[in-house]
Protein backbone atom coordinates (compact mmCIF):
# COMPACT_ATOMS: atom_id res chain seq x y z
CA MET A 1 -7.26 17.83 -15.96
CA LEU A 2 -8.94 14.91 -14.11
CA HIS A 3 -8.64 11.41 -14.42
CA THR A 4 -9.45 8.26 -12.51
CA VAL A 5 -6.51 5.84 -10.60
CA ALA A 6 -7.33 2.74 -9.45
CA LYS A 7 -5.96 1.64 -6.23
CA HIS A 8 -4.97 -1.29 -4.69
CA GLU A 9 -4.77 -0.33 -1.52
CA PHE A 10 -7.76 -1.33 0.60
CA GLY A 11 -11.18 -0.63 0.87
CA SER A 12 -14.71 -0.71 2.64
CA ASP A 13 -17.87 -2.98 1.59
CA GLY A 14 -19.54 -2.47 -1.66
CA GLY A 15 -22.40 0.15 0.37
CA SER A 16 -19.65 2.87 1.66
CA ASP A 17 -16.74 4.77 -0.08
CA ALA A 18 -13.24 3.24 -0.16
CA ALA A 19 -10.24 4.76 1.52
CA ALA A 20 -6.42 5.79 0.10
CA SER A 21 -4.06 4.25 2.32
CA GLY A 22 -1.03 2.14 2.74
CA SER A 23 -2.08 0.47 5.90
CA SER A 24 -3.40 -3.44 5.26
CA THR A 25 -5.05 -3.06 8.75
CA LEU A 26 -7.80 -0.79 7.66
CA LEU A 27 -8.82 -4.22 6.03
CA PHE A 28 -9.77 -5.97 9.33
CA PRO A 29 -13.42 -4.88 9.52
CA LEU A 30 -14.13 -6.55 6.54
CA LEU A 31 -13.12 -9.74 8.46
CA LYS A 32 -16.29 -9.36 10.75
CA MET A 33 -18.73 -9.23 7.34
CA GLY A 34 -21.54 -11.91 7.85
CA ASN A 35 -20.59 -15.31 9.31
CA LEU A 36 -17.05 -14.95 7.98
CA GLU A 37 -15.74 -14.70 11.09
CA LEU A 38 -17.31 -18.01 12.07
CA LEU A 39 -16.42 -19.70 9.02
CA LEU A 40 -12.96 -18.90 9.76
CA SER A 41 -12.43 -19.93 12.88
CA ALA A 42 -13.89 -23.20 12.53
CA PRO A 43 -11.78 -26.52 12.44
CA CYS A 44 -10.56 -27.83 9.50
CA THR A 45 -11.28 -31.63 8.21
CA HIS A 46 -11.70 -33.74 5.36
CA SER A 47 -15.75 -33.98 6.13
CA GLN A 48 -15.49 -30.10 6.75
CA PRO A 49 -14.39 -27.96 3.84
CA ARG A 50 -16.23 -24.77 4.84
CA LYS A 51 -12.96 -22.80 6.36
CA TRP A 52 -11.66 -23.25 2.50
CA CYS A 53 -14.81 -21.73 1.17
CA ALA A 54 -14.70 -19.41 3.68
CA MET A 55 -11.33 -18.40 2.92
CA LEU A 56 -11.57 -18.68 -1.09
CA LEU A 57 -14.61 -16.09 -0.62
CA LEU A 58 -13.15 -13.87 1.64
CA SER A 59 -10.01 -13.70 -1.13
CA VAL A 60 -12.84 -12.97 -3.97
CA MET A 61 -14.00 -10.29 -1.74
CA PHE A 62 -10.76 -8.48 -1.36
CA LEU A 63 -10.23 -8.79 -4.81
CA GLY A 64 -13.60 -6.83 -5.44
CA VAL A 65 -12.98 -3.93 -3.13
CA ALA A 66 -9.47 -3.08 -3.89
CA LEU A 67 -10.61 -3.39 -7.75
CA SER A 68 -13.69 -1.03 -7.60
CA TYR A 69 -11.80 1.73 -5.75
CA THR A 70 -11.04 4.64 -7.58
CA LEU A 71 -9.68 8.02 -6.81
CA GLN A 72 -10.27 10.67 -8.75
CA GLN A 73 -7.11 13.18 -9.50
CA ARG A 74 -6.43 16.80 -10.62
CA GLY A 75 -3.46 18.64 -11.80
CA VAL A 76 -0.28 16.84 -12.58
CA PRO A 77 0.48 14.63 -9.46
CA GLY A 78 4.13 15.31 -7.54
CA THR A 79 5.84 14.30 -4.07
CA PRO A 80 4.97 14.66 -0.33
CA VAL A 81 7.61 16.75 -0.96
CA SER A 82 6.47 19.26 -3.33
CA ALA A 83 2.98 18.60 -1.68
CA ALA A 84 3.93 20.86 1.21
CA LEU A 85 6.14 23.37 -0.42
CA GLN A 86 2.80 24.14 -3.20
CA THR A 87 0.77 24.43 -0.10
CA THR A 88 2.84 26.20 2.16
CA LEU A 89 4.06 28.84 -0.38
CA HIS A 90 0.37 29.51 -0.76
CA TYR A 91 -0.73 30.28 2.57
CA GLU A 92 2.32 32.33 2.72
CA THR A 93 1.34 34.78 0.05
CA ASN A 94 -2.64 34.64 0.39
CA HIS A 95 -4.06 34.85 3.37
CA ILE A 96 -7.25 32.71 4.45
CA ALA A 97 -10.07 34.99 6.07
CA PRO A 98 -11.66 33.13 9.03
CA GLY A 99 -14.59 30.77 7.87
CA ALA A 100 -18.04 32.43 8.66
CA HIS A 101 -18.56 29.71 11.33
CA ASP A 102 -15.56 29.45 13.02
CA ASP A 103 -17.04 31.03 16.46
CA GLU A 104 -19.55 28.48 16.63
CA LEU A 105 -17.06 25.66 15.70
CA ASN A 106 -15.18 26.58 18.46
CA ASN A 107 -17.77 26.85 20.84
CA ARG A 108 -18.43 23.08 20.18
CA PHE A 109 -15.30 22.31 20.29
CA LEU A 110 -14.74 23.93 23.87
CA ALA A 111 -17.94 22.20 24.79
CA GLU A 112 -17.01 18.83 24.32
CA LEU A 113 -13.90 19.35 26.12
CA THR A 114 -15.93 20.83 28.96
CA LYS A 115 -17.61 17.60 28.97
CA LEU A 116 -14.27 15.61 29.71
CA SER A 117 -12.92 17.88 31.52
CA PRO A 118 -15.24 20.68 33.65
CA ASP A 119 -13.76 23.43 35.72
CA LYS A 120 -10.33 22.17 34.71
CA CYS A 121 -7.75 24.01 32.28
CA CYS A 122 -7.14 22.02 29.11
CA ARG A 123 -3.94 21.95 26.95
CA ILE A 124 -4.73 22.13 23.07
CA LEU A 125 -2.82 21.24 20.40
CA ASP A 126 -4.22 22.92 17.36
CA ILE A 127 -2.73 21.39 13.93
CA GLY A 128 -2.68 24.15 11.17
CA PHE A 129 -4.45 27.56 13.06
CA GLY A 130 -4.30 29.57 10.24
CA SER A 131 -5.33 32.84 10.77
CA GLY A 132 -5.56 31.96 15.00
CA ARG A 133 -9.23 32.73 15.84
CA CYS A 134 -9.45 29.33 17.31
CA ILE A 135 -5.96 29.92 19.30
CA ASP A 136 -7.81 33.36 20.48
CA ALA A 137 -10.91 31.52 21.35
CA PHE A 138 -9.12 28.89 23.62
CA ALA A 139 -6.91 30.59 25.63
CA ALA A 140 -9.59 33.55 26.31
CA ALA A 141 -11.33 30.20 27.48
CA GLY A 142 -8.35 29.43 29.93
CA HIS A 143 -6.95 26.88 28.33
CA ARG A 144 -3.27 26.21 27.26
CA VAL A 145 -2.77 25.89 23.67
CA LEU A 146 0.38 24.62 21.38
CA GLY A 147 -0.47 25.77 17.49
CA LEU A 148 1.25 24.16 15.05
CA ASP A 149 1.29 25.72 11.44
CA SER A 150 3.70 25.48 8.54
CA CYS A 151 3.21 28.85 7.30
CA GLN A 152 5.88 31.28 8.94
CA ALA A 153 3.42 34.18 8.04
CA TYR A 154 0.75 32.91 10.34
CA VAL A 155 3.43 31.83 12.81
CA ARG A 156 4.19 35.97 13.00
CA ALA A 157 1.29 37.16 13.05
CA CYS A 158 -0.43 34.99 16.06
CA ARG A 159 2.62 35.55 18.19
CA GLU A 160 2.30 39.25 17.96
CA ARG A 161 -0.91 39.43 19.69
CA ALA A 162 -0.39 35.80 21.73
CA ASP A 163 -0.99 35.11 25.45
CA THR A 164 2.88 33.93 25.80
CA GLN A 165 1.25 32.53 29.35
CA LYS A 166 -0.86 30.29 27.57
CA VAL A 167 0.19 29.72 24.21
CA GLN A 168 3.38 28.27 22.70
CA LEU A 169 3.30 28.42 18.61
CA VAL A 170 5.49 26.21 16.24
CA CYS A 171 6.47 26.75 12.68
CA ALA A 172 6.19 23.11 11.42
CA ASN A 173 4.94 20.96 8.81
CA LEU A 174 2.82 17.78 9.28
CA HIS A 175 4.46 15.98 6.16
CA ASP A 176 7.80 15.93 8.75
CA PRO A 177 7.74 14.13 12.33
CA PHE A 178 6.77 16.23 15.24
CA PRO A 179 9.32 18.49 16.68
CA GLU A 180 10.67 17.73 19.90
CA SER A 181 8.68 20.15 21.58
CA VAL A 182 5.48 18.99 20.44
CA SER A 183 6.05 15.14 20.33
CA SER A 184 6.88 14.84 24.10
CA LEU A 185 3.89 16.80 25.26
CA ARG A 186 0.54 15.30 26.01
CA PHE A 187 -2.90 17.08 25.23
CA GLU A 188 -6.73 16.75 26.33
CA GLY A 189 -7.71 17.75 23.14
CA VAL A 190 -6.38 17.92 19.57
CA PHE A 191 -8.31 20.69 17.23
CA ALA A 192 -7.58 20.06 13.36
CA SER A 193 -9.95 22.63 11.26
CA ARG A 194 -9.67 22.46 7.64
CA SER A 195 -6.01 21.51 7.68
CA LEU A 196 -5.25 17.55 7.43
CA PHE A 197 -7.01 17.19 4.19
CA HIS A 198 -3.74 19.12 2.86
CA VAL A 199 -1.51 16.34 4.35
CA TYR A 200 0.04 13.83 1.65
CA ARG A 201 -2.53 11.19 1.38
CA LEU A 202 -0.27 8.11 2.27
CA LEU A 203 1.44 10.05 5.00
CA LEU A 204 -2.12 10.45 6.44
CA PRO A 205 -2.25 7.39 8.33
CA SER A 206 0.95 7.81 10.08
CA VAL A 207 0.35 11.45 11.29
CA LEU A 208 -3.15 10.50 12.29
CA HIS A 209 -1.45 7.54 14.56
CA ASP A 210 1.00 10.01 15.85
CA LEU A 211 -2.03 12.16 16.63
CA HIS A 212 -3.44 9.55 18.56
CA GLY A 213 -0.47 9.22 20.57
CA GLN A 214 -0.80 12.87 21.52
CA LEU A 215 -3.63 12.55 23.20
CA LEU A 216 -4.20 11.65 26.72
CA PRO A 217 -6.64 8.89 27.39
CA GLY A 218 -9.91 9.91 27.16
CA GLY A 219 -8.71 12.92 24.80
CA ILE A 220 -10.80 14.51 22.14
CA PHE A 221 -10.06 14.61 18.66
CA PHE A 222 -12.32 17.38 16.62
CA SER A 223 -11.92 17.51 12.49
CA LEU A 224 -13.06 19.31 10.16
CA ASN A 225 -12.77 18.52 6.36
CA PRO A 226 -14.30 19.51 2.84
CA LEU A 227 -16.45 16.89 1.44
CA PRO A 228 -15.07 16.01 -1.80
CA PRO A 229 -16.85 17.90 -5.18
CA CYS A 230 -17.75 14.80 -7.11
CA PHE A 231 -18.96 12.50 -3.94
CA THR A 232 -16.14 10.45 -4.53
CA ASP A 233 -12.11 10.35 -2.95
CA GLU A 234 -10.04 12.96 -4.96
CA GLU A 235 -6.33 13.85 -5.02
CA ASP A 236 -6.16 17.94 -5.85
CA TRP A 237 -2.55 18.74 -7.18
CA GLY A 238 -3.45 22.32 -7.65
CA ILE A 239 -3.63 24.40 -11.02
CA ASP A 240 -3.44 27.98 -12.09
CA ASN A 241 -2.78 30.29 -9.42
CA ASP A 242 -3.94 28.04 -6.45
CA ARG A 243 -1.28 25.25 -6.14
CA ARG A 244 -2.50 23.95 -2.77
CA TYR A 245 -2.41 20.10 -2.34
CA ALA A 246 -5.57 18.67 -1.32
CA HIS A 247 -6.91 15.12 -0.02
CA PHE A 248 -10.62 15.41 -0.50
CA MET A 249 -12.02 12.42 1.44
CA THR A 250 -15.46 11.28 2.04
CA PRO A 251 -16.88 10.66 5.42
CA SER A 252 -16.28 6.74 5.17
CA THR A 253 -12.76 7.01 4.03
CA TRP A 254 -11.67 9.37 7.21
CA ALA A 255 -13.81 6.98 9.14
CA CYS A 256 -11.69 3.94 8.04
CA LEU A 257 -8.52 6.08 8.49
CA CYS A 258 -9.38 7.45 12.08
CA GLU A 259 -10.27 3.93 13.25
CA ALA A 260 -7.23 2.30 12.18
CA ALA A 261 -5.41 4.98 14.07
CA GLY A 262 -6.84 3.92 17.13
CA PHE A 263 -9.42 6.46 18.05
CA ILE A 264 -13.36 5.94 18.78
CA ALA A 265 -16.30 7.54 17.18
CA VAL A 266 -18.15 10.07 19.24
CA ASP A 267 -20.33 12.02 16.76
CA SER A 268 -19.92 13.42 12.79
CA TYR A 269 -22.13 15.16 10.78
CA PRO A 270 -22.16 17.57 7.68
CA TRP A 271 -20.78 21.65 8.68
CA PRO A 272 -22.05 23.78 9.02
CA PRO A 273 -25.36 22.19 10.29
CA VAL A 274 -27.95 24.53 8.80
CA VAL A 275 -27.31 26.20 5.27
CA VAL A 276 -28.99 29.44 4.89
CA ASP A 277 -27.66 30.48 1.56
CA GLU A 278 -27.91 27.72 -1.29
CA HIS A 279 -24.47 28.96 -2.89
CA LEU A 280 -22.71 27.41 0.40
CA ALA A 281 -24.32 23.91 -0.19
CA ALA A 282 -21.67 23.12 -2.47
CA ASP A 283 -18.91 24.03 0.07
CA ARG A 284 -19.93 22.43 2.78
CA MET A 285 -17.91 20.31 4.98
CA TRP A 286 -17.66 17.32 7.26
CA LEU A 287 -17.05 17.60 11.05
CA SER A 288 -16.13 14.60 13.03
CA ILE A 289 -15.64 14.44 16.99
CA TRP A 290 -13.57 11.37 17.84
CA LEU A 291 -11.67 9.93 21.25
CA ARG A 292 -8.70 7.95 22.57
CA ALA A 293 -10.01 5.21 24.95
CA HIS A 294 -8.92 4.62 28.49
CA ASP A 295 -5.69 2.55 28.54
């Protein structure tokens, strides 16, 4: 079942897609459109009504943006709790094979980390590590890794082969606050490959804010998310045998959310960069690299 739900939360200008969040701070970039910033800062006098005109124009613009934003929904909507349970249960019973380009992805993350801290052992937070192939690569490169995943089967499998001197694994759900063993630490890099799109969309701004807090100033946030099938934001509650929750976001939606959390954009592009097999084109993802600014 696929239907459209109008959202009145926030959006972007008419040339880009909007994002889904309850955070009103994401509307701030709209204040800088055109000369509105100058108009709003102008003194208000009887002979100069332009400030009131600007405020009226801004209100109309906000209303138009909110009404124009739509969110596709697939499946029967549930709650944040059911979203977490459905997704974790799926991965407990259906192990996902590593991606064909995971080694290249891991190497790109390590290259960005090397730019940040050459010849230094860095601390990495891996969100939703799955098979643990990425953790193996990061530990082999000499870094210390804390892996977070809600699937106990993945945690057990990775723990059996992990180097306990370099790797720490925690079974936890991103829909809940980070456990003390995670929230008390700071990292040079946060790696989230195909994991954050499983976070319930209204909780995602809070999760991104927490991840920003986990990064040391100048730290790197590496994220990979699937692109929406229909090129518009979509919330998928799963059907039939696949009950995973997913919030598919356009690149502009993801950028709005990350910028609102305090991240600074470094780079972004489709993944994999080159599609050799045509049938893989529909499964392309969006890779984005973000930075936490120095305090």
